[in-house]
N, C-alpha and C. Protein backbone atom coordinates (compact mmCIF):
# COMPACT_ATOMS: atom_id res chain seq x y z
N UNK A 1 -2.76 -3.98 -3.67
CA UNK A 1 -1.28 -3.96 -3.33
C UNK A 1 -1.13 -2.78 -2.32
N UNK A 2 -0.45 -3.14 -1.24
CA UNK A 2 -0.17 -2.08 -0.21
C UNK A 2 1.14 -2.29 0.48
N UNK A 3 1.75 -1.21 0.87
CA UNK A 3 3.06 -1.27 1.48
C UNK A 3 3.06 -0.29 2.67
N UNK A 4 4.04 -0.44 3.54
CA UNK A 4 4.21 0.49 4.59
C UNK A 4 5.13 1.63 4.32
N UNK A 5 4.81 2.76 4.78
CA UNK A 5 5.59 4.04 4.57
C UNK A 5 7.06 3.80 4.79
N UNK A 6 7.44 3.06 5.81
CA UNK A 6 8.81 2.81 6.23
C UNK A 6 9.35 1.49 5.89
N UNK A 7 8.67 0.75 4.97
CA UNK A 7 9.13 -0.61 4.56
C UNK A 7 10.47 -0.53 3.91
N UNK A 8 11.54 -1.20 4.54
CA UNK A 8 12.83 -1.13 3.91
C UNK A 8 13.08 -2.25 2.86
N UNK A 9 12.22 -3.30 2.94
CA UNK A 9 12.34 -4.38 2.04
C UNK A 9 11.61 -4.13 0.72
N UNK A 10 10.45 -3.54 0.74
CA UNK A 10 9.59 -3.18 -0.41
C UNK A 10 9.14 -1.75 -0.25
N UNK A 11 10.03 -0.75 -0.23
CA UNK A 11 9.59 0.61 -0.12
C UNK A 11 8.57 1.04 -1.17
N UNK A 12 7.86 2.10 -0.88
CA UNK A 12 6.77 2.44 -1.76
C UNK A 12 7.24 2.64 -3.19
N UNK A 13 8.42 3.39 -3.32
CA UNK A 13 8.82 3.72 -4.78
C UNK A 13 9.24 2.47 -5.44
N UNK A 14 9.86 1.51 -4.76
CA UNK A 14 10.28 0.22 -5.43
C UNK A 14 9.06 -0.66 -5.82
N UNK A 15 8.13 -0.62 -4.81
CA UNK A 15 6.81 -1.48 -5.07
C UNK A 15 6.06 -0.88 -6.22
N UNK A 16 6.07 0.49 -6.28
CA UNK A 16 5.30 1.11 -7.32
C UNK A 16 5.75 0.73 -8.69
N UNK A 17 7.08 0.74 -8.87
CA UNK A 17 7.67 0.35 -10.19
C UNK A 17 7.19 -1.09 -10.61
N UNK A 18 7.28 -2.04 -9.69
CA UNK A 18 6.90 -3.39 -9.94
C UNK A 18 5.35 -3.43 -10.10
N UNK A 19 4.63 -2.68 -9.34
CA UNK A 19 3.14 -2.73 -9.45
C UNK A 19 2.63 -2.21 -10.83
N UNK A 20 3.30 -1.14 -11.29
CA UNK A 20 2.99 -0.58 -12.63
C UNK A 20 3.32 -1.55 -13.69
N UNK A 21 4.50 -2.19 -13.68
CA UNK A 21 4.89 -3.13 -14.71
C UNK A 21 4.14 -4.35 -14.79
N UNK A 22 3.93 -4.86 -13.58
CA UNK A 22 3.27 -6.24 -13.47
C UNK A 22 1.74 -6.19 -13.45
N UNK A 23 1.17 -5.25 -12.69
CA UNK A 23 -0.29 -5.32 -12.49
C UNK A 23 -1.00 -4.02 -12.94
N UNK A 24 -0.20 -3.00 -13.44
CA UNK A 24 -0.80 -1.74 -13.91
C UNK A 24 -1.57 -1.08 -12.74
N UNK A 25 -1.04 -1.11 -11.56
CA UNK A 25 -1.72 -0.50 -10.41
C UNK A 25 -0.59 0.33 -9.54
N UNK A 26 -1.06 1.27 -8.77
CA UNK A 26 -0.27 2.00 -7.85
C UNK A 26 -0.50 1.34 -6.40
N UNK A 27 0.49 1.08 -5.60
CA UNK A 27 0.25 0.59 -4.32
C UNK A 27 -0.29 1.61 -3.35
N UNK A 28 -1.11 1.22 -2.39
CA UNK A 28 -1.44 2.14 -1.36
C UNK A 28 -0.37 2.16 -0.33
N UNK A 29 -0.27 3.23 0.47
CA UNK A 29 0.83 3.33 1.43
C UNK A 29 0.18 3.57 2.83
N UNK A 30 0.58 2.72 3.79
CA UNK A 30 0.07 2.83 5.12
C UNK A 30 1.08 3.67 5.91
N UNK A 31 0.64 4.91 6.41
CA UNK A 31 1.54 5.75 7.14
C UNK A 31 1.95 5.13 8.49
N UNK A 32 3.24 5.37 8.85
CA UNK A 32 3.76 4.90 10.05
C UNK A 32 4.10 3.43 10.17
N UNK A 33 3.81 2.67 8.98
CA UNK A 33 4.07 1.26 9.07
C UNK A 33 5.38 0.90 8.36
N UNK A 34 5.90 -0.29 8.76
CA UNK A 34 7.07 -0.80 8.09
C UNK A 34 6.70 -1.94 7.20
N UNK A 35 7.48 -3.01 7.26
CA UNK A 35 7.30 -4.22 6.38
C UNK A 35 6.24 -5.15 6.97
N UNK A 36 5.97 -5.25 8.22
CA UNK A 36 5.12 -6.20 8.81
C UNK A 36 3.74 -5.63 9.08
N UNK A 37 3.04 -5.28 8.03
CA UNK A 37 1.69 -4.69 8.16
C UNK A 37 0.74 -5.55 8.93
N UNK A 38 0.87 -6.87 8.87
CA UNK A 38 -0.05 -7.77 9.58
C UNK A 38 0.05 -7.62 11.06
N UNK A 39 1.28 -7.29 11.54
CA UNK A 39 1.45 -7.16 12.97
C UNK A 39 1.33 -5.66 13.39
N UNK A 40 1.79 -4.79 12.52
CA UNK A 40 1.82 -3.34 12.91
C UNK A 40 0.48 -2.71 12.80
N UNK A 41 -0.36 -2.98 11.75
CA UNK A 41 -1.58 -2.34 11.45
C UNK A 41 -2.60 -3.31 10.91
N UNK A 42 -2.97 -4.38 11.64
CA UNK A 42 -3.95 -5.38 11.13
C UNK A 42 -5.32 -4.75 10.76
N UNK A 43 -5.64 -3.64 11.36
CA UNK A 43 -6.88 -3.05 11.01
C UNK A 43 -6.99 -2.59 9.56
N UNK A 44 -5.87 -2.21 9.01
CA UNK A 44 -5.80 -1.78 7.62
C UNK A 44 -6.01 -2.98 6.71
N UNK A 45 -5.34 -4.03 6.98
CA UNK A 45 -5.48 -5.32 6.17
C UNK A 45 -6.88 -5.97 6.37
N UNK A 46 -7.51 -5.76 7.45
CA UNK A 46 -8.87 -6.44 7.71
C UNK A 46 -9.93 -5.86 6.78
N UNK A 47 -9.73 -4.70 6.35
CA UNK A 47 -10.75 -4.09 5.40
C UNK A 47 -10.49 -4.29 3.94
N UNK A 48 -9.35 -4.97 3.57
CA UNK A 48 -9.06 -5.20 2.21
C UNK A 48 -10.06 -6.09 1.46
N UNK A 49 -10.55 -7.21 1.99
CA UNK A 49 -11.56 -8.00 1.21
C UNK A 49 -12.85 -7.23 1.02
N UNK A 50 -13.12 -6.26 1.74
CA UNK A 50 -14.40 -5.49 1.55
C UNK A 50 -14.26 -4.50 0.47
N UNK A 51 -13.08 -4.21 0.00
CA UNK A 51 -12.87 -3.18 -1.06
C UNK A 51 -12.00 -3.63 -2.19
N UNK A 52 -12.36 -4.77 -2.78
CA UNK A 52 -11.57 -5.32 -3.87
C UNK A 52 -11.65 -4.36 -5.07
N UNK A 53 -10.51 -4.22 -5.76
CA UNK A 53 -10.55 -3.34 -7.00
C UNK A 53 -10.63 -1.90 -6.81
N UNK A 54 -10.54 -1.40 -5.64
CA UNK A 54 -10.69 -0.04 -5.34
C UNK A 54 -9.46 0.72 -5.97
N UNK A 55 -9.72 1.86 -6.61
CA UNK A 55 -8.72 2.58 -7.29
C UNK A 55 -7.72 3.35 -6.44
N UNK A 56 -6.45 3.41 -6.84
CA UNK A 56 -5.43 4.12 -6.11
C UNK A 56 -5.16 5.45 -6.83
N UNK A 57 -5.94 5.87 -7.69
CA UNK A 57 -5.67 7.07 -8.54
C UNK A 57 -5.48 8.28 -7.74
N UNK A 58 -6.23 8.45 -6.67
CA UNK A 58 -6.11 9.67 -5.88
C UNK A 58 -5.11 9.56 -4.67
N UNK A 59 -4.34 8.52 -4.66
CA UNK A 59 -3.25 8.41 -3.69
C UNK A 59 -1.96 8.12 -4.35
N UNK A 60 -1.01 9.08 -4.43
CA UNK A 60 0.32 8.84 -5.09
C UNK A 60 1.22 8.18 -4.14
N UNK A 61 2.04 7.29 -4.74
CA UNK A 61 3.04 6.62 -3.93
C UNK A 61 3.95 7.64 -3.39
N UNK A 62 4.35 7.42 -2.12
CA UNK A 62 5.21 8.34 -1.41
C UNK A 62 4.39 9.38 -0.63
N UNK A 63 3.09 9.32 -0.78
CA UNK A 63 2.25 10.23 -0.02
C UNK A 63 1.46 9.29 0.87
N UNK A 64 1.96 9.08 2.05
CA UNK A 64 1.32 8.09 3.01
C UNK A 64 -0.06 8.48 3.38
N UNK A 65 -0.92 7.40 3.53
CA UNK A 65 -2.20 7.63 3.89
C UNK A 65 -2.66 6.66 5.02
N UNK A 66 -3.46 6.97 5.88
CA UNK A 66 -3.91 6.01 6.85
C UNK A 66 -4.98 5.07 6.38
N UNK A 67 -5.56 5.38 5.24
CA UNK A 67 -6.51 4.53 4.68
C UNK A 67 -5.92 3.64 3.58
N UNK A 68 -6.38 2.46 3.46
CA UNK A 68 -5.84 1.62 2.36
C UNK A 68 -6.53 2.07 1.11
N UNK A 69 -5.74 2.24 0.05
CA UNK A 69 -6.28 2.55 -1.27
C UNK A 69 -5.44 1.74 -2.20
N UNK A 70 -5.97 0.74 -2.90
CA UNK A 70 -5.16 -0.06 -3.69
C UNK A 70 -5.85 -1.02 -4.56
């Protein structure tokens, strides 16, 4: 689960609440991105299948990172 730092539809704090309740995970946050990660930062999404199940424990929601952790 990943969101953009500036996503107004699913902001990091809001997505984190849903992620914890539904999937017991913390979303990764892509710095400088909004809601359309596919168009804004496709390079981040391209690496997701290579890292399934990677932990987000070392990346707190609201602390943007340029690397996907989720």
